[in-house]
Every structure is written in C-alpha cells, then in structure tokens.
Amino acid sequence: MTEAKEFFRICPACGRRFHIKLVSKNLVDKKKETVEVSQSTLSPAPGGYAMTRMSPVMVEENIPIVVDVEEFQYSYKCKHCGHEWSEIHTDVSKV
C-alpha cells in the first residue's frame, strides 16, 4: 500500500482507544460463488384483464446470482504502545 490510513480503534494490547495505523492490506483469497436468491413477483391476471373476483398470484422463484468473495488480511499498528496485529475481513459483492 502506498498510503497508510489512520483511524480510531481499540488496541487489543493496551485497550486504549487511540490512533490505529493500517500498515498493510493483503488479498488472502478470492473466489466466485453462485447463490440462489428467492424473488417474489406478482403475476398479472390471466389474459391481461383485471379480474374483480380473483387477486393476483404471488410467484416465488429461486434466481441464481454470482457473488465475489474476497478475504483480506489487514495489519494494524497502535500509535500509543506500538503493538502490531492482523485481522481477516471478508468483502462480498454482486457481479
């Protein structure tokens, strides 16, 4: 990383809410997954005419979507005590 981000966080070593410095962000794993999502839609009345005695029918179907799953390892450093640690975060986004 070219620029280090700084923000407030709690250090696991000293327990203080202090400036934390993001030292690095590394991609650990990247994969694509297909997930089925349930989608409900209203079906129009038969023949395209509005029926007074019949209500619209609710149709539910499973639609597959592809999502990107990326795991990053973030390395942090506490500006107060100098403790360094890392955490893994997962980012999920639709393709």
PDB file of N, CA and C in Angstrom:
ATOM      1  N   MET A   1       0.836  -1.189   0.000  1.00  0.00           N
ATOM      2  CA  MET A   1       0.000   0.000   0.000  1.00  0.00           C
ATOM      3  C   MET A   1       0.870   1.238   0.000  1.00  0.00           C
ATOM      4  N   THR A   2       0.464   2.218  -0.743  1.00  0.00           N
ATOM      5  CA  THR A   2       1.257   3.427  -0.819  1.00  0.00           C
ATOM      6  C   THR A   2       0.921   4.405   0.288  1.00  0.00           C
ATOM      7  N   GLU A   3      -0.326   4.423   0.728  1.00  0.00           N
ATOM      8  CA  GLU A   3      -0.679   5.375   1.778  1.00  0.00           C
ATOM      9  C   GLU A   3      -1.267   4.634   2.965  1.00  0.00           C
ATOM     10  N   ALA A   4      -0.872   5.004   4.160  1.00  0.00           N
ATOM     11  CA  ALA A   4      -1.370   4.370   5.375  1.00  0.00           C
ATOM     12  C   ALA A   4      -2.568   5.157   5.890  1.00  0.00           C
ATOM     13  N   LYS A   5      -3.640   4.440   6.188  1.00  0.00           N
ATOM     14  CA  LYS A   5      -4.831   5.097   6.709  1.00  0.00           C
ATOM     15  C   LYS A   5      -4.778   5.081   8.228  1.00  0.00           C
ATOM     16  N   GLU A   6      -5.247   6.151   8.829  1.00  0.00           N
ATOM     17  CA  GLU A   6      -5.292   6.237  10.279  1.00  0.00           C
ATOM     18  C   GLU A   6      -6.725   6.461  10.714  1.00  0.00           C
ATOM     19  N   PHE A   7      -7.136   5.795  11.793  1.00  0.00           N
ATOM     20  CA  PHE A   7      -8.483   5.952  12.317  1.00  0.00           C
ATOM     21  C   PHE A   7      -8.484   5.512  13.772  1.00  0.00           C
ATOM     22  N   PHE A   8      -9.592   5.742  14.455  1.00  0.00           N
ATOM     23  CA  PHE A   8      -9.689   5.366  15.858  1.00  0.00           C
ATOM     24  C   PHE A   8     -10.170   3.930  15.983  1.00  0.00           C
ATOM     25  N   ARG A   9      -9.545   3.206  16.875  1.00  0.00           N
ATOM     26  CA  ARG A   9      -9.876   1.814  17.116  1.00  0.00           C
ATOM     27  C   ARG A   9      -9.372   1.458  18.503  1.00  0.00           C
ATOM     28  N   ILE A  10      -9.778   0.334  19.050  1.00  0.00           N
ATOM     29  CA  ILE A  10      -9.306  -0.097  20.368  1.00  0.00           C
ATOM     30  C   ILE A  10      -8.184  -1.107  20.173  1.00  0.00           C
ATOM     31  N   CYS A  11      -7.059  -0.825  20.777  1.00  0.00           N
ATOM     32  CA  CYS A  11      -5.893  -1.701  20.690  1.00  0.00           C
ATOM     33  C   CYS A  11      -6.108  -2.916  21.597  1.00  0.00           C
ATOM     34  N   PRO A  12      -5.889  -4.146  21.086  1.00  0.00           N
ATOM     35  CA  PRO A  12      -6.065  -5.329  21.944  1.00  0.00           C
ATOM     36  C   PRO A  12      -4.988  -5.474  23.019  1.00  0.00           C
ATOM     37  N   ALA A  13      -3.864  -4.791  22.885  1.00  0.00           N
ATOM     38  CA  ALA A  13      -2.788  -4.904  23.865  1.00  0.00           C
ATOM     39  C   ALA A  13      -2.980  -3.930  25.024  1.00  0.00           C
ATOM     40  N   CYS A  14      -3.133  -2.652  24.707  1.00  0.00           N
ATOM     41  CA  CYS A  14      -3.227  -1.661  25.788  1.00  0.00           C
ATOM     42  C   CYS A  14      -4.678  -1.300  26.106  1.00  0.00           C
ATOM     43  N   GLY A  15      -5.617  -1.654  25.225  1.00  0.00           N
ATOM     44  CA  GLY A  15      -7.029  -1.407  25.489  1.00  0.00           C
ATOM     45  C   GLY A  15      -7.463   0.024  25.314  1.00  0.00           C
ATOM     46  N   ARG A  16      -6.589   0.873  24.837  1.00  0.00           N
ATOM     47  CA  ARG A  16      -6.918   2.287  24.679  1.00  0.00           C
ATOM     48  C   ARG A  16      -7.520   2.540  23.314  1.00  0.00           C
ATOM     49  N   ARG A  17      -8.437   3.465  23.306  1.00  0.00           N
ATOM     50  CA  ARG A  17      -8.999   3.931  22.036  1.00  0.00           C
ATOM     51  C   ARG A  17      -8.044   5.003  21.551  1.00  0.00           C
ATOM     52  N   PHE A  18      -7.289   4.641  20.552  1.00  0.00           N
ATOM     53  CA  PHE A  18      -6.212   5.503  20.120  1.00  0.00           C
ATOM     54  C   PHE A  18      -6.092   5.451  18.616  1.00  0.00           C
ATOM     55  N   HIS A  19      -5.197   6.238  18.066  1.00  0.00           N
ATOM     56  CA  HIS A  19      -4.948   6.173  16.632  1.00  0.00           C
ATOM     57  C   HIS A  19      -4.391   4.802  16.277  1.00  0.00           C
ATOM     58  N   ILE A  20      -5.037   4.163  15.318  1.00  0.00           N
ATOM     59  CA  ILE A  20      -4.550   2.901  14.788  1.00  0.00           C
ATOM     60  C   ILE A  20      -4.084   3.178  13.370  1.00  0.00           C
ATOM     61  N   LYS A  21      -2.975   2.620  13.014  1.00  0.00           N
ATOM     62  CA  LYS A  21      -2.424   2.829  11.685  1.00  0.00           C
ATOM     63  C   LYS A  21      -2.541   1.529  10.898  1.00  0.00           C
ATOM     64  N   LEU A  22      -3.229   1.581   9.735  1.00  0.00           N
ATOM     65  CA  LEU A  22      -3.320   0.422   8.856  1.00  0.00           C
ATOM     66  C   LEU A  22      -1.999   0.304   8.115  1.00  0.00           C
ATOM     67  N   VAL A  23      -1.246  -0.745   8.426  1.00  0.00           N
ATOM     68  CA  VAL A  23       0.080  -0.920   7.858  1.00  0.00           C
ATOM     69  C   VAL A  23       0.002  -1.562   6.474  1.00  0.00           C
ATOM     70  N   SER A  24      -0.819  -2.600   6.334  1.00  0.00           N
ATOM     71  CA  SER A  24      -0.932  -3.259   5.029  1.00  0.00           C
ATOM     72  C   SER A  24      -2.291  -3.929   4.878  1.00  0.00           C
ATOM     73  N   LYS A  25      -2.671  -4.144   3.620  1.00  0.00           N
ATOM     74  CA  LYS A  25      -3.913  -4.828   3.270  1.00  0.00           C
ATOM     75  C   LYS A  25      -3.547  -5.818   2.170  1.00  0.00           C
ATOM     76  N   ASN A  26      -3.591  -7.118   2.476  1.00  0.00           N
ATOM     77  CA  ASN A  26      -3.195  -8.146   1.521  1.00  0.00           C
ATOM     78  C   ASN A  26      -4.377  -9.038   1.176  1.00  0.00           C
ATOM     79  N   LEU A  27      -4.533  -9.346  -0.106  1.00  0.00           N
ATOM     80  CA  LEU A  27      -5.575 -10.256  -0.564  1.00  0.00           C
ATOM     81  C   LEU A  27      -5.153 -11.675  -0.217  1.00  0.00           C
ATOM     82  N   VAL A  28      -5.980 -12.369   0.585  1.00  0.00           N
ATOM     83  CA  VAL A  28      -5.667 -13.722   1.015  1.00  0.00           C
ATOM     84  C   VAL A  28      -6.344 -14.745   0.108  1.00  0.00           C
ATOM     85  N   ASP A  29      -7.622 -14.509  -0.226  1.00  0.00           N
ATOM     86  CA  ASP A  29      -8.386 -15.465  -1.020  1.00  0.00           C
ATOM     87  C   ASP A  29      -9.420 -14.718  -1.838  1.00  0.00           C
ATOM     88  N   LYS A  30      -9.633 -15.182  -3.068  1.00  0.00           N
ATOM     89  CA  LYS A  30     -10.647 -14.585  -3.933  1.00  0.00           C
ATOM     90  C   LYS A  30     -11.369 -15.709  -4.648  1.00  0.00           C
ATOM     91  N   LYS A  31     -12.701 -15.715  -4.550  1.00  0.00           N
ATOM     92  CA  LYS A  31     -13.455 -16.767  -5.225  1.00  0.00           C
ATOM     93  C   LYS A  31     -14.819 -16.235  -5.649  1.00  0.00           C
ATOM     94  N   LYS A  32     -15.415 -16.921  -6.592  1.00  0.00           N
ATOM     95  CA  LYS A  32     -16.761 -16.597  -7.056  1.00  0.00           C
ATOM     96  C   LYS A  32     -17.684 -17.709  -6.599  1.00  0.00           C
ATOM     97  N   GLU A  33     -18.835 -17.333  -6.064  1.00  0.00           N
ATOM     98  CA  GLU A  33     -19.817 -18.309  -5.612  1.00  0.00           C
ATOM     99  C   GLU A  33     -21.157 -18.011  -6.256  1.00  0.00           C
ATOM    100  N   THR A  34     -21.931 -19.061  -6.502  1.00  0.00           N
ATOM    101  CA  THR A  34     -23.284 -18.900  -7.009  1.00  0.00           C
ATOM    102  C   THR A  34     -24.244 -19.140  -5.853  1.00  0.00           C
ATOM    103  N   VAL A  35     -25.094 -18.165  -5.617  1.00  0.00           N
ATOM    104  CA  VAL A  35     -26.049 -18.227  -4.515  1.00  0.00           C
ATOM    105  C   VAL A  35     -27.448 -18.085  -5.101  1.00  0.00           C
ATOM    106  N   GLU A  36     -28.384 -18.887  -4.627  1.00  0.00           N
ATOM    107  CA  GLU A  36     -29.759 -18.762  -5.092  1.00  0.00           C
ATOM    108  C   GLU A  36     -30.519 -17.831  -4.176  1.00  0.00           C
ATOM    109  N   VAL A  37     -31.153 -16.832  -4.782  1.00  0.00           N
ATOM    110  CA  VAL A  37     -31.917 -15.839  -4.034  1.00  0.00           C
ATOM    111  C   VAL A  37     -33.377 -16.003  -4.394  1.00  0.00           C
ATOM    112  N   SER A  38     -34.220 -15.988  -3.398  1.00  0.00           N
ATOM    113  CA  SER A  38     -35.649 -16.117  -3.618  1.00  0.00           C
ATOM    114  C   SER A  38     -36.228 -14.762  -3.993  1.00  0.00           C
ATOM    115  N   GLN A  39     -36.980 -14.724  -5.098  1.00  0.00           N
ATOM    116  CA  GLN A  39     -37.576 -13.477  -5.553  1.00  0.00           C
ATOM    117  C   GLN A  39     -39.072 -13.697  -5.717  1.00  0.00           C
ATOM    118  N   SER A  40     -39.857 -12.790  -5.158  1.00  0.00           N
ATOM    119  CA  SER A  40     -41.305 -12.876  -5.263  1.00  0.00           C
ATOM    120  C   SER A  40     -41.805 -11.805  -6.209  1.00  0.00           C
ATOM    121  N   THR A  41     -42.697 -12.199  -7.108  1.00  0.00           N
ATOM    122  CA  THR A  41     -43.297 -11.255  -8.039  1.00  0.00           C
ATOM    123  C   THR A  41     -44.792 -11.497  -8.103  1.00  0.00           C
ATOM    124  N   LEU A  42     -45.529 -10.464  -8.477  1.00  0.00           N
ATOM    125  CA  LEU A  42     -46.967 -10.596  -8.660  1.00  0.00           C
ATOM    126  C   LEU A  42     -47.235 -10.968 -10.102  1.00  0.00           C
ATOM    127  N   SER A  43     -48.002 -12.014 -10.283  1.00  0.00           N
ATOM    128  CA  SER A  43     -48.372 -12.438 -11.622  1.00  0.00           C
ATOM    129  C   SER A  43     -49.636 -11.704 -12.043  1.00  0.00           C
ATOM    130  N   PRO A  44     -49.679 -11.176 -13.272  1.00  0.00           N
ATOM    131  CA  PRO A  44     -50.884 -10.472 -13.706  1.00  0.00           C
ATOM    132  C   PRO A  44     -52.048 -11.442 -13.875  1.00  0.00           C
ATOM    133  N   ALA A  45     -53.254 -10.891 -13.914  1.00  0.00           N
ATOM    134  CA  ALA A  45     -54.451 -11.706 -14.097  1.00  0.00           C
ATOM    135  C   ALA A  45     -54.387 -12.387 -15.458  1.00  0.00           C
ATOM    136  N   PRO A  46     -54.970 -13.592 -15.588  1.00  0.00           N
ATOM    137  CA  PRO A  46     -54.920 -14.307 -16.868  1.00  0.00           C
ATOM    138  C   PRO A  46     -55.539 -13.486 -17.994  1.00  0.00           C
ATOM    139  N   GLY A  47     -54.915 -13.511 -19.152  1.00  0.00           N
ATOM    140  CA  GLY A  47     -55.422 -12.804 -20.316  1.00  0.00           C
ATOM    141  C   GLY A  47     -55.135 -11.321 -20.305  1.00  0.00           C
ATOM    142  N   GLY A  48     -54.468 -10.836 -19.282  1.00  0.00           N
ATOM    143  CA  GLY A  48     -54.131  -9.424 -19.204  1.00  0.00           C
ATOM    144  C   GLY A  48     -55.265  -8.541 -18.725  1.00  0.00           C
ATOM    145  N   TYR A  49     -56.392  -9.120 -18.374  1.00  0.00           N
ATOM    146  CA  TYR A  49     -57.529  -8.334 -17.903  1.00  0.00           C
ATOM    147  C   TYR A  49     -57.568  -8.345 -16.386  1.00  0.00           C
ATOM    148  N   ALA A  50     -58.008  -7.261 -15.812  1.00  0.00           N
ATOM    149  CA  ALA A  50     -58.145  -7.201 -14.355  1.00  0.00           C
ATOM    150  C   ALA A  50     -59.407  -7.943 -13.960  1.00  0.00           C
ATOM    151  N   MET A  51     -59.264  -8.906 -13.118  1.00  0.00           N
ATOM    152  CA  MET A  51     -60.419  -9.675 -12.651  1.00  0.00           C
ATOM    153  C   MET A  51     -60.861  -9.113 -11.310  1.00  0.00           C
ATOM    154  N   THR A  52     -62.128  -8.944 -11.122  1.00  0.00           N
ATOM    155  CA  THR A  52     -62.605  -8.377  -9.878  1.00  0.00           C
ATOM    156  C   THR A  52     -62.666  -9.414  -8.778  1.00  0.00           C
ATOM    157  N   ARG A  53     -62.916 -10.670  -9.109  1.00  0.00           N
ATOM    158  CA  ARG A  53     -63.050 -11.707  -8.088  1.00  0.00           C
ATOM    159  C   ARG A  53     -61.743 -12.436  -7.799  1.00  0.00           C
ATOM    160  N   MET A  54     -60.774 -12.301  -8.679  1.00  0.00           N
ATOM    161  CA  MET A  54     -59.509 -13.012  -8.482  1.00  0.00           C
ATOM    162  C   MET A  54     -58.405 -12.020  -8.146  1.00  0.00           C
ATOM    163  N   SER A  55     -57.624 -12.341  -7.151  1.00  0.00           N
ATOM    164  CA  SER A  55     -56.500 -11.480  -6.803  1.00  0.00           C
ATOM    165  C   SER A  55     -55.257 -11.970  -7.547  1.00  0.00           C
ATOM    166  N   PRO A  56     -54.269 -11.120  -7.722  1.00  0.00           N
ATOM    167  CA  PRO A  56     -53.043 -11.551  -8.398  1.00  0.00           C
ATOM    168  C   PRO A  56     -52.378 -12.693  -7.633  1.00  0.00           C
ATOM    169  N   VAL A  57     -51.644 -13.508  -8.353  1.00  0.00           N
ATOM    170  CA  VAL A  57     -50.971 -14.661  -7.768  1.00  0.00           C
ATOM    171  C   VAL A  57     -49.526 -14.283  -7.472  1.00  0.00           C
ATOM    172  N   MET A  58     -49.054 -14.636  -6.282  1.00  0.00           N
ATOM    173  CA  MET A  58     -47.674 -14.382  -5.902  1.00  0.00           C
ATOM    174  C   MET A  58     -46.830 -15.558  -6.380  1.00  0.00           C
ATOM    175  N   VAL A  59     -45.840 -15.264  -7.234  1.00  0.00           N
ATOM    176  CA  VAL A  59     -44.961 -16.299  -7.764  1.00  0.00           C
ATOM    177  C   VAL A  59     -43.597 -16.121  -7.110  1.00  0.00           C
ATOM    178  N   GLU A  60     -43.071 -17.209  -6.567  1.00  0.00           N
ATOM    179  CA  GLU A  60     -41.758 -17.160  -5.925  1.00  0.00           C
ATOM    180  C   GLU A  60     -40.831 -18.112  -6.657  1.00  0.00           C
ATOM    181  N   GLU A  61     -39.666 -17.600  -7.040  1.00  0.00           N
ATOM    182  CA  GLU A  61     -38.708 -18.424  -7.756  1.00  0.00           C
ATOM    183  C   GLU A  61     -37.307 -18.165  -7.215  1.00  0.00           C
ATOM    184  N   ASN A  62     -36.472 -19.170  -7.355  1.00  0.00           N
ATOM    185  CA  ASN A  62     -35.082 -19.043  -6.931  1.00  0.00           C
ATOM    186  C   ASN A  62     -34.245 -18.625  -8.128  1.00  0.00           C
ATOM    187  N   ILE A  63     -33.565 -17.495  -7.995  1.00  0.00           N
ATOM    188  CA  ILE A  63     -32.742 -16.959  -9.064  1.00  0.00           C
ATOM    189  C   ILE A  63     -31.281 -17.053  -8.638  1.00  0.00           C
ATOM    190  N   PRO A  64     -30.454 -17.721  -9.455  1.00  0.00           N
ATOM    191  CA  PRO A  64     -29.034 -17.802  -9.091  1.00  0.00           C
ATOM    192  C   PRO A  64     -28.318 -16.491  -9.415  1.00  0.00           C
ATOM    193  N   ILE A  65     -27.521 -16.018  -8.469  1.00  0.00           N
ATOM    194  CA  ILE A  65     -26.679 -14.852  -8.704  1.00  0.00           C
ATOM    195  C   ILE A  65     -25.238 -15.225  -8.369  1.00  0.00           C
ATOM    196  N   VAL A  66     -24.311 -14.543  -9.005  1.00  0.00           N
ATOM    197  CA  VAL A  66     -22.886 -14.798  -8.776  1.00  0.00           C
ATOM    198  C   VAL A  66     -22.338 -13.670  -7.908  1.00  0.00           C
ATOM    199  N   VAL A  67     -21.628 -14.039  -6.844  1.00  0.00           N
ATOM    200  CA  VAL A  67     -21.025 -13.049  -5.953  1.00  0.00           C
ATOM    201  C   VAL A  67     -19.521 -13.281  -5.871  1.00  0.00           C
ATOM    202  N   ASP A  68     -18.783 -12.191  -5.739  1.00  0.00           N
ATOM    203  CA  ASP A  68     -17.338 -12.258  -5.499  1.00  0.00           C
ATOM    204  C   ASP A  68     -17.102 -12.229  -3.998  1.00  0.00           C
ATOM    205  N   VAL A  69     -16.330 -13.166  -3.504  1.00  0.00           N
ATOM    206  CA  VAL A  69     -15.965 -13.215  -2.091  1.00  0.00           C
ATOM    207  C   VAL A  69     -14.461 -13.020  -2.008  1.00  0.00           C
ATOM    208  N   GLU A  70     -14.046 -11.927  -1.357  1.00  0.00           N
ATOM    209  CA  GLU A  70     -12.624 -11.624  -1.214  1.00  0.00           C
ATOM    210  C   GLU A  70     -12.281 -11.538   0.273  1.00  0.00           C
ATOM    211  N   GLU A  71     -11.221 -12.214   0.652  1.00  0.00           N
ATOM    212  CA  GLU A  71     -10.743 -12.154   2.027  1.00  0.00           C
ATOM    213  C   GLU A  71      -9.440 -11.362   2.049  1.00  0.00           C
ATOM    214  N   PHE A  72      -9.399 -10.354   2.908  1.00  0.00           N
ATOM    215  CA  PHE A  72      -8.215  -9.516   3.047  1.00  0.00           C
ATOM    216  C   PHE A  72      -7.651  -9.661   4.450  1.00  0.00           C
ATOM    217  N   GLN A  73      -6.335  -9.618   4.550  1.00  0.00           N
ATOM    218  CA  GLN A  73      -5.673  -9.590   5.850  1.00  0.00           C
ATOM    219  C   GLN A  73      -5.190  -8.168   6.077  1.00  0.00           C
ATOM    220  N   TYR A  74      -5.743  -7.529   7.095  1.00  0.00           N
ATOM    221  CA  TYR A  74      -5.361  -6.173   7.457  1.00  0.00           C
ATOM    222  C   TYR A  74      -4.353  -6.241   8.588  1.00  0.00           C
ATOM    223  N   SER A  75      -3.248  -5.512   8.464  1.00  0.00           N
ATOM    224  CA  SER A  75      -2.249  -5.420   9.531  1.00  0.00           C
ATOM    225  C   SER A  75      -2.323  -4.028  10.134  1.00  0.00           C
ATOM    226  N   TYR A  76      -2.405  -3.962  11.461  1.00  0.00           N
ATOM    227  CA  TYR A  76      -2.554  -2.700  12.179  1.00  0.00           C
ATOM    228  C   TYR A  76      -1.380  -2.470  13.119  1.00  0.00           C
ATOM    229  N   LYS A  77      -1.191  -1.198  13.489  1.00  0.00           N
ATOM    230  CA  LYS A  77      -0.179  -0.849  14.481  1.00  0.00           C
ATOM    231  C   LYS A  77      -0.737   0.268  15.355  1.00  0.00           C
ATOM    232  N   CYS A  78      -0.680   0.064  16.669  1.00  0.00           N
ATOM    233  CA  CYS A  78      -1.156   1.067  17.618  1.00  0.00           C
ATOM    234  C   CYS A  78      -0.110   2.171  17.746  1.00  0.00           C
ATOM    235  N   LYS A  79      -0.548   3.411  17.619  1.00  0.00           N
ATOM    236  CA  LYS A  79       0.395   4.535  17.746  1.00  0.00           C
ATOM    237  C   LYS A  79       0.784   4.788  19.200  1.00  0.00           C
ATOM    238  N   HIS A  80      -0.010   4.260  20.142  1.00  0.00           N
ATOM    239  CA  HIS A  80       0.282   4.511  21.547  1.00  0.00           C
ATOM    240  C   HIS A  80       1.353   3.559  22.086  1.00  0.00           C
ATOM    241  N   CYS A  81       1.110   2.236  21.950  1.00  0.00           N
ATOM    242  CA  CYS A  81       2.043   1.273  22.553  1.00  0.00           C
ATOM    243  C   CYS A  81       2.906   0.541  21.520  1.00  0.00           C
ATOM    244  N   GLY A  82       2.605   0.699  20.220  1.00  0.00           N
ATOM    245  CA  GLY A  82       3.413   0.068  19.188  1.00  0.00           C
ATOM    246  C   GLY A  82       3.034  -1.376  18.879  1.00  0.00           C
ATOM    247  N   HIS A  83       1.973  -1.891  19.531  1.00  0.00           N
ATOM    248  CA  HIS A  83       1.534  -3.273  19.299  1.00  0.00           C
ATOM    249  C   HIS A  83       1.065  -3.443  17.853  1.00  0.00           C
ATOM    250  N   GLU A  84       1.458  -4.551  17.215  1.00  0.00           N
ATOM    251  CA  GLU A  84       1.040  -4.860  15.855  1.00  0.00           C
ATOM    252  C   GLU A  84       0.217  -6.135  15.860  1.00  0.00           C
ATOM    253  N   TRP A  85      -0.864  -6.167  15.062  1.00  0.00           N
ATOM    254  CA  TRP A  85      -1.703  -7.345  14.945  1.00  0.00           C
ATOM    255  C   TRP A  85      -2.369  -7.336  13.581  1.00  0.00           C
ATOM    256  N   SER A  86      -2.974  -8.482  13.231  1.00  0.00           N
ATOM    257  CA  SER A  86      -3.657  -8.567  11.938  1.00  0.00           C
ATOM    258  C   SER A  86      -5.033  -9.207  12.125  1.00  0.00           C
ATOM    259  N   GLU A  87      -5.941  -8.855  11.220  1.00  0.00           N
ATOM    260  CA  GLU A  87      -7.306  -9.381  11.228  1.00  0.00           C
ATOM    261  C   GLU A  87      -7.684  -9.726   9.793  1.00  0.00           C
ATOM    262  N   ILE A  88      -8.569 -10.706   9.641  1.00  0.00           N
ATOM    263  CA  ILE A  88      -9.060 -11.072   8.317  1.00  0.00           C
ATOM    264  C   ILE A  88     -10.484 -10.546   8.174  1.00  0.00           C
ATOM    265  N   HIS A  89     -10.737  -9.822   7.079  1.00  0.00           N
ATOM    266  CA  HIS A  89     -12.049  -9.276   6.772  1.00  0.00           C
ATOM    267  C   HIS A  89     -12.515  -9.835   5.433  1.00  0.00           C
ATOM    268  N   THR A  90     -13.809 -10.093   5.314  1.00  0.00           N
ATOM    269  CA  THR A  90     -14.383 -10.642   4.101  1.00  0.00           C
ATOM    270  C   THR A  90     -15.259  -9.602   3.436  1.00  0.00           C
ATOM    271  N   ASP A  91     -15.040  -9.373   2.141  1.00  0.00           N
ATOM    272  CA  ASP A  91     -15.866  -8.473   1.347  1.00  0.00           C
ATOM    273  C   ASP A  91     -16.660  -9.304   0.358  1.00  0.00           C
ATOM    274  N   VAL A  92     -17.984  -9.097   0.323  1.00  0.00           N
ATOM    275  CA  VAL A  92     -18.861  -9.823  -0.588  1.00  0.00           C
ATOM    276  C   VAL A  92     -19.541  -8.802  -1.478  1.00  0.00           C
ATOM    277  N   SER A  93     -19.498  -9.014  -2.808  1.00  0.00           N
ATOM    278  CA  SER A  93     -20.144  -8.105  -3.733  1.00  0.00           C
ATOM    279  C   SER A  93     -20.752  -8.884  -4.885  1.00  0.00           C
ATOM    280  N   LYS A  94     -21.882  -8.365  -5.392  1.00  0.00           N
ATOM    281  CA  LYS A  94     -22.538  -8.990  -6.547  1.00  0.00           C
ATOM    282  C   LYS A  94     -21.756  -8.705  -7.808  1.00  0.00           C
ATOM    283  N   VAL A  95     -21.792  -9.653  -8.719  1.00  0.00           N
ATOM    284  CA  VAL A  95     -21.131  -9.457 -10.014  1.00  0.00           C
ATOM    285  C   VAL A  95     -22.117  -8.902 -11.005  1.00  0.00           C
TER     286      VAL A  95
END
